[in-house]
């Protein structure tokens, strides 16, 4: 079975990372971060999101990172083919985004340097 490649689409101040385009967010949660490399941040969050929700049948993760006043807003979630517990799934995503240890790792990995761009 062939794997479809992950795609990163940039449109102005927004970056979307996923497999399906246009990205569909049947379930999602949001969190704010300082100014970081959007692509690196999206990849790191997507990996942890998949680890958290891989048992959810029909789940396809998507991450949107938007540049906002002095930082970025992340919407993590994705599409789910079929029925699923929407409220508890959204809570799990929010807990993932709020996890202090993961946030430190994501921020350290996506930190801007003088040579990097968003």
PDB file of N, CA and C in Angstrom:
ATOM      1  N   UNK A   1       0.842  -1.176   0.000  1.00  0.00           N
ATOM      2  CA  UNK A   1       0.000   0.000   0.000  1.00  0.00           C
ATOM      3  C   UNK A   1       0.891   1.245   0.000  1.00  0.00           C
ATOM      4  N   UNK A   2       0.704   2.101  -0.957  1.00  0.00           N
ATOM      5  CA  UNK A   2       1.531   3.299  -1.094  1.00  0.00           C
ATOM      6  C   UNK A   2       1.093   4.367  -0.100  1.00  0.00           C
ATOM      7  N   UNK A   3       2.070   5.013   0.505  1.00  0.00           N
ATOM      8  CA  UNK A   3       1.803   6.113   1.430  1.00  0.00           C
ATOM      9  C   UNK A   3       1.720   7.409   0.629  1.00  0.00           C
ATOM     10  N   UNK A   4       0.703   8.195   0.899  1.00  0.00           N
ATOM     11  CA  UNK A   4       0.637   9.513   0.283  1.00  0.00           C
ATOM     12  C   UNK A   4       1.528  10.451   1.074  1.00  0.00           C
ATOM     13  N   UNK A   5       2.226  11.292   0.365  1.00  0.00           N
ATOM     14  CA  UNK A   5       3.199  12.192   0.999  1.00  0.00           C
ATOM     15  C   UNK A   5       2.500  13.294   1.793  1.00  0.00           C
ATOM     16  N   UNK A   6       3.165  13.719   2.847  1.00  0.00           N
ATOM     17  CA  UNK A   6       2.699  14.867   3.612  1.00  0.00           C
ATOM     18  C   UNK A   6       2.995  16.116   2.808  1.00  0.00           C
ATOM     19  N   UNK A   7       2.081  17.076   2.857  1.00  0.00           N
ATOM     20  CA  UNK A   7       2.232  18.315   2.099  1.00  0.00           C
ATOM     21  C   UNK A   7       2.166  19.499   3.046  1.00  0.00           C
ATOM     22  N   UNK A   8       2.930  20.508   2.687  1.00  0.00           N
ATOM     23  CA  UNK A   8       2.930  21.744   3.448  1.00  0.00           C
ATOM     24  C   UNK A   8       2.529  22.860   2.488  1.00  0.00           C
ATOM     25  N   UNK A   9       1.411  23.508   2.779  1.00  0.00           N
ATOM     26  CA  UNK A   9       0.914  24.585   1.930  1.00  0.00           C
ATOM     27  C   UNK A   9       1.025  25.902   2.693  1.00  0.00           C
ATOM     28  N   UNK A  10       1.648  26.879   2.049  1.00  0.00           N
ATOM     29  CA  UNK A  10       1.779  28.209   2.648  1.00  0.00           C
ATOM     30  C   UNK A  10       0.902  29.177   1.871  1.00  0.00           C
ATOM     31  N   UNK A  11       0.170  30.006   2.619  1.00  0.00           N
ATOM     32  CA  UNK A  11      -0.678  31.017   2.010  1.00  0.00           C
ATOM     33  C   UNK A  11      -0.636  32.257   2.903  1.00  0.00           C
ATOM     34  N   UNK A  12       0.233  33.182   2.563  1.00  0.00           N
ATOM     35  CA  UNK A  12       0.372  34.395   3.372  1.00  0.00           C
ATOM     36  C   UNK A  12       0.865  34.080   4.769  1.00  0.00           C
ATOM     37  N   UNK A  13       0.061  34.428   5.764  1.00  0.00           N
ATOM     38  CA  UNK A  13       0.470  34.207   7.153  1.00  0.00           C
ATOM     39  C   UNK A  13       0.077  32.828   7.680  1.00  0.00           C
ATOM     40  N   UNK A  14      -0.476  31.972   6.817  1.00  0.00           N
ATOM     41  CA  UNK A  14      -0.917  30.641   7.257  1.00  0.00           C
ATOM     42  C   UNK A  14      -0.105  29.539   6.591  1.00  0.00           C
ATOM     43  N   UNK A  15       0.129  28.488   7.350  1.00  0.00           N
ATOM     44  CA  UNK A  15       0.775  27.281   6.852  1.00  0.00           C
ATOM     45  C   UNK A  15      -0.105  26.113   7.282  1.00  0.00           C
ATOM     46  N   UNK A  16      -0.400  25.208   6.358  1.00  0.00           N
ATOM     47  CA  UNK A  16      -1.184  24.015   6.677  1.00  0.00           C
ATOM     48  C   UNK A  16      -0.359  22.802   6.308  1.00  0.00           C
ATOM     49  N   UNK A  17      -0.303  21.839   7.221  1.00  0.00           N
ATOM     50  CA  UNK A  17       0.478  20.617   7.039  1.00  0.00           C
ATOM     51  C   UNK A  17      -0.455  19.424   7.196  1.00  0.00           C
ATOM     52  N   UNK A  18      -0.519  18.601   6.160  1.00  0.00           N
ATOM     53  CA  UNK A  18      -1.384  17.424   6.208  1.00  0.00           C
ATOM     54  C   UNK A  18      -1.247  16.602   4.950  1.00  0.00           C
ATOM     55  N   UNK A  19      -2.101  15.617   4.817  1.00  0.00           N
ATOM     56  CA  UNK A  19      -2.106  14.764   3.626  1.00  0.00           C
ATOM     57  C   UNK A  19      -3.234  15.113   2.676  1.00  0.00           C
ATOM     58  N   UNK A  20      -4.336  15.578   3.220  1.00  0.00           N
ATOM     59  CA  UNK A  20      -5.520  15.871   2.408  1.00  0.00           C
ATOM     60  C   UNK A  20      -5.679  17.377   2.257  1.00  0.00           C
ATOM     61  N   UNK A  21      -5.897  17.802   1.028  1.00  0.00           N
ATOM     62  CA  UNK A  21      -6.142  19.220   0.783  1.00  0.00           C
ATOM     63  C   UNK A  21      -7.349  19.372  -0.106  1.00  0.00           C
ATOM     64  N   UNK A  22      -8.215  20.326   0.219  1.00  0.00           N
ATOM     65  CA  UNK A  22      -8.078  21.241   1.352  1.00  0.00           C
ATOM     66  C   UNK A  22      -8.212  20.492   2.676  1.00  0.00           C
ATOM     67  N   UNK A  23      -7.495  20.982   3.670  1.00  0.00           N
ATOM     68  CA  UNK A  23      -7.518  20.349   4.995  1.00  0.00           C
ATOM     69  C   UNK A  23      -8.917  20.467   5.590  1.00  0.00           C
ATOM     70  N   UNK A  24      -9.317  19.408   6.267  1.00  0.00           N
ATOM     71  CA  UNK A  24     -10.629  19.377   6.915  1.00  0.00           C
ATOM     72  C   UNK A  24     -10.399  19.198   8.414  1.00  0.00           C
ATOM     73  N   UNK A  25     -11.065  20.026   9.201  1.00  0.00           N
ATOM     74  CA  UNK A  25     -10.927  19.958  10.655  1.00  0.00           C
ATOM     75  C   UNK A  25     -12.277  19.558  11.256  1.00  0.00           C
ATOM     76  N   UNK A  26     -12.555  18.244  11.275  1.00  0.00           N
ATOM     77  CA  UNK A  26     -13.767  17.751  11.931  1.00  0.00           C
ATOM     78  C   UNK A  26     -13.656  17.919  13.439  1.00  0.00           C
ATOM     79  N   UNK A  27     -12.438  17.879  13.925  1.00  0.00           N
ATOM     80  CA  UNK A  27     -12.159  18.066  15.350  1.00  0.00           C
ATOM     81  C   UNK A  27     -10.849  18.837  15.452  1.00  0.00           C
ATOM     82  N   UNK A  28     -10.770  19.768  16.408  1.00  0.00           N
ATOM     83  CA  UNK A  28      -9.529  20.536  16.549  1.00  0.00           C
ATOM     84  C   UNK A  28      -9.476  21.228  17.903  1.00  0.00           C
ATOM     85  N   UNK A  29      -8.303  21.740  18.205  1.00  0.00           N
ATOM     86  CA  UNK A  29      -8.063  22.572  19.383  1.00  0.00           C
ATOM     87  C   UNK A  29      -6.993  23.583  18.990  1.00  0.00           C
ATOM     88  N   UNK A  30      -6.914  24.677  19.737  1.00  0.00           N
ATOM     89  CA  UNK A  30      -5.965  25.741  19.409  1.00  0.00           C
ATOM     90  C   UNK A  30      -5.080  26.081  20.596  1.00  0.00           C
ATOM     91  N   UNK A  31      -3.917  26.616  20.265  1.00  0.00           N
ATOM     92  CA  UNK A  31      -2.993  27.094  21.291  1.00  0.00           C
ATOM     93  C   UNK A  31      -2.076  28.142  20.673  1.00  0.00           C
ATOM     94  N   UNK A  32      -1.592  29.050  21.500  1.00  0.00           N
ATOM     95  CA  UNK A  32      -0.677  30.078  21.004  1.00  0.00           C
ATOM     96  C   UNK A  32       0.746  29.757  21.442  1.00  0.00           C
ATOM     97  N   UNK A  33       1.689  30.213  20.629  1.00  0.00           N
ATOM     98  CA  UNK A  33       3.115  29.998  20.851  1.00  0.00           C
ATOM     99  C   UNK A  33       3.849  31.287  20.521  1.00  0.00           C
ATOM    100  N   UNK A  34       5.083  31.436  20.998  1.00  0.00           N
ATOM    101  CA  UNK A  34       5.892  32.575  20.556  1.00  0.00           C
ATOM    102  C   UNK A  34       6.225  32.414  19.069  1.00  0.00           C
ATOM    103  N   UNK A  35       6.844  33.406  18.475  1.00  0.00           N
ATOM    104  CA  UNK A  35       7.219  33.323  17.064  1.00  0.00           C
ATOM    105  C   UNK A  35       8.231  32.192  16.887  1.00  0.00           C
ATOM    106  N   UNK A  36       7.874  31.219  16.039  1.00  0.00           N
ATOM    107  CA  UNK A  36       8.694  30.031  15.791  1.00  0.00           C
ATOM    108  C   UNK A  36       8.684  29.719  14.307  1.00  0.00           C
ATOM    109  N   UNK A  37       9.541  28.771  13.899  1.00  0.00           N
ATOM    110  CA  UNK A  37       9.504  28.282  12.520  1.00  0.00           C
ATOM    111  C   UNK A  37       8.235  27.450  12.367  1.00  0.00           C
ATOM    112  N   UNK A  38       7.344  27.934  11.545  1.00  0.00           N
ATOM    113  CA  UNK A  38       6.020  27.324  11.430  1.00  0.00           C
ATOM    114  C   UNK A  38       6.071  25.893  10.923  1.00  0.00           C
ATOM    115  N   UNK A  39       6.903  25.626   9.922  1.00  0.00           N
ATOM    116  CA  UNK A  39       6.984  24.281   9.361  1.00  0.00           C
ATOM    117  C   UNK A  39       7.492  23.261  10.364  1.00  0.00           C
ATOM    118  N   UNK A  40       8.550  23.608  11.071  1.00  0.00           N
ATOM    119  CA  UNK A  40       9.107  22.691  12.083  1.00  0.00           C
ATOM    120  C   UNK A  40       8.101  22.442  13.199  1.00  0.00           C
ATOM    121  N   UNK A  41       7.432  23.504  13.639  1.00  0.00           N
ATOM    122  CA  UNK A  41       6.434  23.371  14.694  1.00  0.00           C
ATOM    123  C   UNK A  41       5.295  22.458  14.241  1.00  0.00           C
ATOM    124  N   UNK A  42       4.810  22.663  13.022  1.00  0.00           N
ATOM    125  CA  UNK A  42       3.714  21.837  12.499  1.00  0.00           C
ATOM    126  C   UNK A  42       4.110  20.366  12.434  1.00  0.00           C
ATOM    127  N   UNK A  43       5.322  20.073  11.979  1.00  0.00           N
ATOM    128  CA  UNK A  43       5.767  18.677  11.878  1.00  0.00           C
ATOM    129  C   UNK A  43       5.861  18.018  13.249  1.00  0.00           C
ATOM    130  N   UNK A  44       6.403  18.738  14.222  1.00  0.00           N
ATOM    131  CA  UNK A  44       6.547  18.176  15.566  1.00  0.00           C
ATOM    132  C   UNK A  44       5.185  17.891  16.200  1.00  0.00           C
ATOM    133  N   UNK A  45       4.270  18.842  16.075  1.00  0.00           N
ATOM    134  CA  UNK A  45       2.940  18.657  16.662  1.00  0.00           C
ATOM    135  C   UNK A  45       2.197  17.534  15.950  1.00  0.00           C
ATOM    136  N   UNK A  46       2.318  17.455  14.635  1.00  0.00           N
ATOM    137  CA  UNK A  46       1.644  16.393  13.887  1.00  0.00           C
ATOM    138  C   UNK A  46       2.106  15.019  14.356  1.00  0.00           C
ATOM    139  N   UNK A  47       3.395  14.858  14.580  1.00  0.00           N
ATOM    140  CA  UNK A  47       3.913  13.564  15.041  1.00  0.00           C
ATOM    141  C   UNK A  47       3.309  13.173  16.382  1.00  0.00           C
ATOM    142  N   UNK A  48       3.270  14.106  17.321  1.00  0.00           N
ATOM    143  CA  UNK A  48       2.714  13.794  18.634  1.00  0.00           C
ATOM    144  C   UNK A  48       1.199  13.622  18.578  1.00  0.00           C
ATOM    145  N   UNK A  49       0.537  14.378  17.713  1.00  0.00           N
ATOM    146  CA  UNK A  49      -0.907  14.225  17.541  1.00  0.00           C
ATOM    147  C   UNK A  49      -1.230  12.834  17.008  1.00  0.00           C
ATOM    148  N   UNK A  50      -0.455  12.368  16.041  1.00  0.00           N
ATOM    149  CA  UNK A  50      -0.674  11.031  15.498  1.00  0.00           C
ATOM    150  C   UNK A  50      -0.451   9.968  16.570  1.00  0.00           C
ATOM    151  N   UNK A  51       0.593  10.121  17.358  1.00  0.00           N
ATOM    152  CA  UNK A  51       0.850   9.157  18.444  1.00  0.00           C
ATOM    153  C   UNK A  51      -0.326   9.105  19.415  1.00  0.00           C
ATOM    154  N   UNK A  52      -0.919  10.251  19.677  1.00  0.00           N
ATOM    155  CA  UNK A  52      -2.039  10.327  20.617  1.00  0.00           C
ATOM    156  C   UNK A  52      -3.323   9.731  20.040  1.00  0.00           C
ATOM    157  N   UNK A  53      -3.573   9.933  18.748  1.00  0.00           N
ATOM    158  CA  UNK A  53      -4.875   9.567  18.178  1.00  0.00           C
ATOM    159  C   UNK A  53      -4.811   8.474  17.110  1.00  0.00           C
ATOM    160  N   UNK A  54      -3.704   7.749  17.016  1.00  0.00           N
ATOM    161  CA  UNK A  54      -3.594   6.744  15.963  1.00  0.00           C
ATOM    162  C   UNK A  54      -4.619   5.620  16.097  1.00  0.00           C
ATOM    163  N   UNK A  55      -5.176   5.419  17.274  1.00  0.00           N
ATOM    164  CA  UNK A  55      -6.189   4.377  17.446  1.00  0.00           C
ATOM    165  C   UNK A  55      -7.580   4.847  17.015  1.00  0.00           C
ATOM    166  N   UNK A  56      -7.729   6.126  16.689  1.00  0.00           N
ATOM    167  CA  UNK A  56      -9.014   6.662  16.238  1.00  0.00           C
ATOM    168  C   UNK A  56      -9.192   6.320  14.765  1.00  0.00           C
ATOM    169  N   UNK A  57     -10.074   5.396  14.498  1.00  0.00           N
ATOM    170  CA  UNK A  57     -10.272   4.886  13.144  1.00  0.00           C
ATOM    171  C   UNK A  57     -10.664   6.007  12.175  1.00  0.00           C
ATOM    172  N   UNK A  58      -9.965   6.067  11.050  1.00  0.00           N
ATOM    173  CA  UNK A  58     -10.267   7.048  10.015  1.00  0.00           C
ATOM    174  C   UNK A  58      -9.693   8.432  10.255  1.00  0.00           C
ATOM    175  N   UNK A  59      -8.817   8.576  11.247  1.00  0.00           N
ATOM    176  CA  UNK A  59      -8.260   9.891  11.574  1.00  0.00           C
ATOM    177  C   UNK A  59      -7.108  10.247  10.647  1.00  0.00           C
ATOM    178  N   UNK A  60      -7.143  11.469  10.117  1.00  0.00           N
ATOM    179  CA  UNK A  60      -6.059  12.005   9.299  1.00  0.00           C
ATOM    180  C   UNK A  60      -5.685  13.380   9.860  1.00  0.00           C
ATOM    181  N   UNK A  61      -4.498  13.492  10.482  1.00  0.00           N
ATOM    182  CA  UNK A  61      -4.127  14.747  11.138  1.00  0.00           C
ATOM    183  C   UNK A  61      -3.887  15.896  10.161  1.00  0.00           C
ATOM    184  N   UNK A  62      -4.150  17.091  10.652  1.00  0.00           N
ATOM    185  CA  UNK A  62      -3.838  18.321   9.923  1.00  0.00           C
ATOM    186  C   UNK A  62      -3.461  19.374  10.960  1.00  0.00           C
ATOM    187  N   UNK A  63      -2.497  20.191  10.606  1.00  0.00           N
ATOM    188  CA  UNK A  63      -2.026  21.252  11.499  1.00  0.00           C
ATOM    189  C   UNK A  63      -2.036  22.558  10.719  1.00  0.00           C
ATOM    190  N   UNK A  64      -2.618  23.588  11.313  1.00  0.00           N
ATOM    191  CA  UNK A  64      -2.592  24.928  10.728  1.00  0.00           C
ATOM    192  C   UNK A  64      -1.836  25.833  11.691  1.00  0.00           C
ATOM    193  N   UNK A  65      -0.863  26.578  11.159  1.00  0.00           N
ATOM    194  CA  UNK A  65      -0.086  27.520  11.971  1.00  0.00           C
ATOM    195  C   UNK A  65      -0.223  28.894  11.322  1.00  0.00           C
ATOM    196  N   UNK A  66      -0.778  29.845  12.077  1.00  0.00           N
ATOM    197  CA  UNK A  66      -0.970  31.212  11.585  1.00  0.00           C
ATOM    198  C   UNK A  66      -0.109  32.186  12.379  1.00  0.00           C
ATOM    199  N   UNK A  67       0.519  33.093  11.654  1.00  0.00           N
ATOM    200  CA  UNK A  67       1.288  34.154  12.295  1.00  0.00           C
ATOM    201  C   UNK A  67       0.317  35.210  12.815  1.00  0.00           C
ATOM    202  N   UNK A  68       0.473  35.540  14.086  1.00  0.00           N
ATOM    203  CA  UNK A  68      -0.354  36.567  14.712  1.00  0.00           C
ATOM    204  C   UNK A  68       0.582  37.517  15.460  1.00  0.00           C
ATOM    205  N   UNK A  69       0.050  38.547  16.045  1.00  0.00           N
ATOM    206  CA  UNK A  69       0.814  39.575  16.752  1.00  0.00           C
ATOM    207  C   UNK A  69       1.927  39.003  17.627  1.00  0.00           C
ATOM    208  N   UNK A  70       3.147  38.977  17.109  1.00  0.00           N
ATOM    209  CA  UNK A  70       4.299  38.550  17.884  1.00  0.00           C
ATOM    210  C   UNK A  70       4.396  37.072  18.179  1.00  0.00           C
ATOM    211  N   UNK A  71       3.599  36.255  17.525  1.00  0.00           N
ATOM    212  CA  UNK A  71       3.638  34.820  17.780  1.00  0.00           C
ATOM    213  C   UNK A  71       2.882  34.051  16.711  1.00  0.00           C
ATOM    214  N   UNK A  72       2.540  32.820  17.038  1.00  0.00           N
ATOM    215  CA  UNK A  72       1.770  31.984  16.118  1.00  0.00           C
ATOM    216  C   UNK A  72       0.629  31.321  16.878  1.00  0.00           C
ATOM    217  N   UNK A  73      -0.446  31.061  16.155  1.00  0.00           N
ATOM    218  CA  UNK A  73      -1.592  30.316  16.673  1.00  0.00           C
ATOM    219  C   UNK A  73      -1.625  28.986  15.939  1.00  0.00           C
ATOM    220  N   UNK A  74      -1.689  27.894  16.689  1.00  0.00           N
ATOM    221  CA  UNK A  74      -1.726  26.553  16.111  1.00  0.00           C
ATOM    222  C   UNK A  74      -3.129  25.992  16.270  1.00  0.00           C
ATOM    223  N   UNK A  75      -3.671  25.493  15.164  1.00  0.00           N
ATOM    224  CA  UNK A  75      -4.904  24.699  15.211  1.00  0.00           C
ATOM    225  C   UNK A  75      -4.505  23.283  14.841  1.00  0.00           C
ATOM    226  N   UNK A  76      -4.652  22.365  15.775  1.00  0.00           N
ATOM    227  CA  UNK A  76      -4.293  20.966  15.558  1.00  0.00           C
ATOM    228  C   UNK A  76      -5.569  20.141  15.571  1.00  0.00           C
ATOM    229  N   UNK A  77      -5.624  19.183  14.676  1.00  0.00           N
ATOM    230  CA  UNK A  77      -6.799  18.319  14.604  1.00  0.00           C
ATOM    231  C   UNK A  77      -6.753  17.544  13.314  1.00  0.00           C
ATOM    232  N   UNK A  78      -7.893  17.476  12.646  1.00  0.00           N
ATOM    233  CA  UNK A  78      -7.924  16.795  11.371  1.00  0.00           C
ATOM    234  C   UNK A  78      -9.293  16.244  11.052  1.00  0.00           C
ATOM    235  N   UNK A  79      -9.304  15.396  10.049  1.00  0.00           N
ATOM    236  CA  UNK A  79     -10.552  14.792   9.604  1.00  0.00           C
ATOM    237  C   UNK A  79     -10.683  13.390  10.176  1.00  0.00           C
ATOM    238  N   UNK A  80     -11.933  12.974  10.353  1.00  0.00           N
ATOM    239  CA  UNK A  80     -12.229  11.629  10.837  1.00  0.00           C
ATOM    240  C   UNK A  80     -13.319  11.061   9.949  1.00  0.00           C
ATOM    241  N   UNK A  81     -13.015   9.953   9.290  1.00  0.00           N
ATOM    242  CA  UNK A  81     -14.007   9.278   8.464  1.00  0.00           C
ATOM    243  C   UNK A  81     -14.816   8.356   9.364  1.00  0.00           C
ATOM    244  N   UNK A  82     -16.040   8.736   9.636  1.00  0.00           N
ATOM    245  CA  UNK A  82     -16.895   7.918  10.485  1.00  0.00           C
ATOM    246  C   UNK A  82     -17.249   8.624  11.780  1.00  0.00           C
ATOM    247  N   UNK A  83     -17.961   7.883  12.625  1.00  0.00           N
ATOM    248  CA  UNK A  83     -18.401   8.421  13.915  1.00  0.00           C
ATOM    249  C   UNK A  83     -17.255   8.378  14.918  1.00  0.00           C
ATOM    250  N   UNK A  84     -17.243   9.368  15.808  1.00  0.00           N
ATOM    251  CA  UNK A  84     -16.210   9.410  16.838  1.00  0.00           C
ATOM    252  C   UNK A  84     -16.683  10.318  17.966  1.00  0.00           C
ATOM    253  N   UNK A  85     -16.116  10.170  19.159  1.00  0.00           N
ATOM    254  CA  UNK A  85     -16.494  11.017  20.295  1.00  0.00           C
ATOM    255  C   UNK A  85     -15.840  12.400  20.176  1.00  0.00           C
ATOM    256  N   UNK A  86     -16.542  13.338  19.557  1.00  0.00           N
ATOM    257  CA  UNK A  86     -15.951  14.632  19.216  1.00  0.00           C
ATOM    258  C   UNK A  86     -15.448  15.404  20.438  1.00  0.00           C
ATOM    259  N   UNK A  87     -16.243  15.492  21.469  1.00  0.00           N
ATOM    260  CA  UNK A  87     -15.863  16.288  22.637  1.00  0.00           C
ATOM    261  C   UNK A  87     -14.620  15.732  23.331  1.00  0.00           C
ATOM    262  N   UNK A  88     -14.596  14.429  23.571  1.00  0.00           N
ATOM    263  CA  UNK A  88     -13.433  13.853  24.264  1.00  0.00           C
ATOM    264  C   UNK A  88     -12.193  13.869  23.375  1.00  0.00           C
ATOM    265  N   UNK A  89     -12.382  13.768  22.062  1.00  0.00           N
ATOM    266  CA  UNK A  89     -11.243  13.834  21.149  1.00  0.00           C
ATOM    267  C   UNK A  89     -10.658  15.244  21.143  1.00  0.00           C
ATOM    268  N   UNK A  90     -11.525  16.255  21.117  1.00  0.00           N
ATOM    269  CA  UNK A  90     -11.055  17.646  21.183  1.00  0.00           C
ATOM    270  C   UNK A  90     -10.329  17.905  22.503  1.00  0.00           C
ATOM    271  N   UNK A  91     -10.831  17.326  23.591  1.00  0.00           N
ATOM    272  CA  UNK A  91     -10.163  17.473  24.892  1.00  0.00           C
ATOM    273  C   UNK A  91      -8.772  16.844  24.870  1.00  0.00           C
ATOM    274  N   UNK A  92      -8.636  15.684  24.238  1.00  0.00           N
ATOM    275  CA  UNK A  92      -7.328  15.023  24.143  1.00  0.00           C
ATOM    276  C   UNK A  92      -6.344  15.871  23.348  1.00  0.00           C
ATOM    277  N   UNK A  93      -6.829  16.499  22.276  1.00  0.00           N
ATOM    278  CA  UNK A  93      -5.965  17.358  21.466  1.00  0.00           C
ATOM    279  C   UNK A  93      -5.538  18.579  22.280  1.00  0.00           C
ATOM    280  N   UNK A  94      -6.485  19.171  23.013  1.00  0.00           N
ATOM    281  CA  UNK A  94      -6.152  20.339  23.830  1.00  0.00           C
ATOM    282  C   UNK A  94      -5.137  19.973  24.906  1.00  0.00           C
ATOM    283  N   UNK A  95      -5.298  18.813  25.531  1.00  0.00           N
ATOM    284  CA  UNK A  95      -4.332  18.367  26.540  1.00  0.00           C
ATOM    285  C   UNK A  95      -2.945  18.193  25.930  1.00  0.00           C
ATOM    286  N   UNK A  96      -2.896  17.669  24.715  1.00  0.00           N
ATOM    287  CA  UNK A  96      -1.619  17.515  24.021  1.00  0.00           C
ATOM    288  C   UNK A  96      -0.968  18.879  23.802  1.00  0.00           C
ATOM    289  N   UNK A  97      -1.743  19.841  23.304  1.00  0.00           N
ATOM    290  CA  UNK A  97      -1.200  21.174  23.035  1.00  0.00           C
ATOM    291  C   UNK A  97      -0.772  21.898  24.311  1.00  0.00           C
ATOM    292  N   UNK A  98      -1.399  21.571  25.425  1.00  0.00           N
ATOM    293  CA  UNK A  98      -1.091  22.235  26.694  1.00  0.00           C
ATOM    294  C   UNK A  98      -0.026  21.510  27.515  1.00  0.00           C
ATOM    295  N   UNK A  99       0.451  20.360  27.054  1.00  0.00           N
ATOM    296  CA  UNK A  99       1.436  19.575  27.806  1.00  0.00           C
ATOM    297  C   UNK A  99       2.757  20.350  27.896  1.00  0.00           C
ATOM    298  N   UNK A 100       3.188  20.726  29.111  1.00  0.00           N
ATOM    299  CA  UNK A 100       4.386  21.567  29.256  1.00  0.00           C
ATOM    300  C   UNK A 100       5.660  20.938  28.691  1.00  0.00           C
ATOM    301  N   UNK A 101       5.847  19.645  28.877  1.00  0.00           N
ATOM    302  CA  UNK A 101       7.066  18.990  28.379  1.00  0.00           C
ATOM    303  C   UNK A 101       7.102  18.980  26.857  1.00  0.00           C
ATOM    304  N   UNK A 102       5.964  18.704  26.237  1.00  0.00           N
ATOM    305  CA  UNK A 102       5.912  18.706  24.773  1.00  0.00           C
ATOM    306  C   UNK A 102       6.119  20.115  24.225  1.00  0.00           C
ATOM    307  N   UNK A 103       5.508  21.101  24.873  1.00  0.00           N
ATOM    308  CA  UNK A 103       5.667  22.481  24.417  1.00  0.00           C
ATOM    309  C   UNK A 103       7.133  22.907  24.441  1.00  0.00           C
ATOM    310  N   UNK A 104       7.847  22.555  25.501  1.00  0.00           N
ATOM    311  CA  UNK A 104       9.276  22.897  25.583  1.00  0.00           C
ATOM    312  C   UNK A 104      10.031  22.253  24.429  1.00  0.00           C
ATOM    313  N   UNK A 105       9.748  20.975  24.161  1.00  0.00           N
ATOM    314  CA  UNK A 105      10.432  20.273  23.059  1.00  0.00           C
ATOM    315  C   UNK A 105      10.094  20.915  21.721  1.00  0.00           C
ATOM    316  N   UNK A 106       8.810  21.201  21.493  1.00  0.00           N
ATOM    317  CA  UNK A 106       8.408  21.822  20.229  1.00  0.00           C
ATOM    318  C   UNK A 106       9.078  23.185  20.052  1.00  0.00           C
ATOM    319  N   UNK A 107       9.060  23.995  21.102  1.00  0.00           N
ATOM    320  CA  UNK A 107       9.642  25.338  21.025  1.00  0.00           C
ATOM    321  C   UNK A 107      11.144  25.260  20.779  1.00  0.00           C
ATOM    322  N   UNK A 108      11.835  24.383  21.480  1.00  0.00           N
ATOM    323  CA  UNK A 108      13.279  24.237  21.268  1.00  0.00           C
ATOM    324  C   UNK A 108      13.592  23.777  19.851  1.00  0.00           C
ATOM    325  N   UNK A 109      12.769  22.897  19.302  1.00  0.00           N
ATOM    326  CA  UNK A 109      13.003  22.373  17.963  1.00  0.00           C
ATOM    327  C   UNK A 109      12.687  23.396  16.873  1.00  0.00           C
ATOM    328  N   UNK A 110      11.735  24.276  17.123  1.00  0.00           N
ATOM    329  CA  UNK A 110      11.278  25.212  16.089  1.00  0.00           C
ATOM    330  C   UNK A 110      11.748  26.644  16.325  1.00  0.00           C
ATOM    331  N   UNK A 111      12.645  26.823  17.259  1.00  0.00           N
ATOM    332  CA  UNK A 111      13.116  28.172  17.606  1.00  0.00           C
ATOM    333  C   UNK A 111      13.738  28.865  16.398  1.00  0.00           C
ATOM    334  N   UNK A 112      13.428  30.137  16.265  1.00  0.00           N
ATOM    335  CA  UNK A 112      14.010  30.955  15.201  1.00  0.00           C
ATOM    336  C   UNK A 112      15.456  31.288  15.535  1.00  0.00           C
ATOM    337  N   UNK A 113      16.288  31.284  14.516  1.00  0.00           N
ATOM    338  CA  UNK A 113      17.656  31.769  14.651  1.00  0.00           C
ATOM    339  C   UNK A 113      17.841  32.868  13.620  1.00  0.00           C
ATOM    340  N   UNK A 114      18.989  33.490  13.614  1.00  0.00           N
ATOM    341  CA  UNK A 114      19.223  34.579  12.660  1.00  0.00           C
ATOM    342  C   UNK A 114      19.182  34.097  11.222  1.00  0.00           C
ATOM    343  N   UNK A 115      19.524  32.826  10.974  1.00  0.00           N
ATOM    344  CA  UNK A 115      19.561  32.317   9.606  1.00  0.00           C
ATOM    345  C   UNK A 115      18.250  31.688   9.145  1.00  0.00           C
ATOM    346  N   UNK A 116      17.270  31.479  10.034  1.00  0.00           N
ATOM    347  CA  UNK A 116      16.047  30.781   9.641  1.00  0.00           C
ATOM    348  C   UNK A 116      14.921  31.745   9.354  1.00  0.00           C
ATOM    349  N   UNK A 117      13.991  31.244   8.561  1.00  0.00           N
ATOM    350  CA  UNK A 117      12.782  31.989   8.250  1.00  0.00           C
ATOM    351  C   UNK A 117      11.609  31.265   8.877  1.00  0.00           C
ATOM    352  N   UNK A 118      10.452  31.928   8.910  1.00  0.00           N
ATOM    353  CA  UNK A 118       9.250  31.285   9.397  1.00  0.00           C
ATOM    354  C   UNK A 118       8.712  30.452   8.280  1.00  0.00           C
TER     355      UNK A 118
END
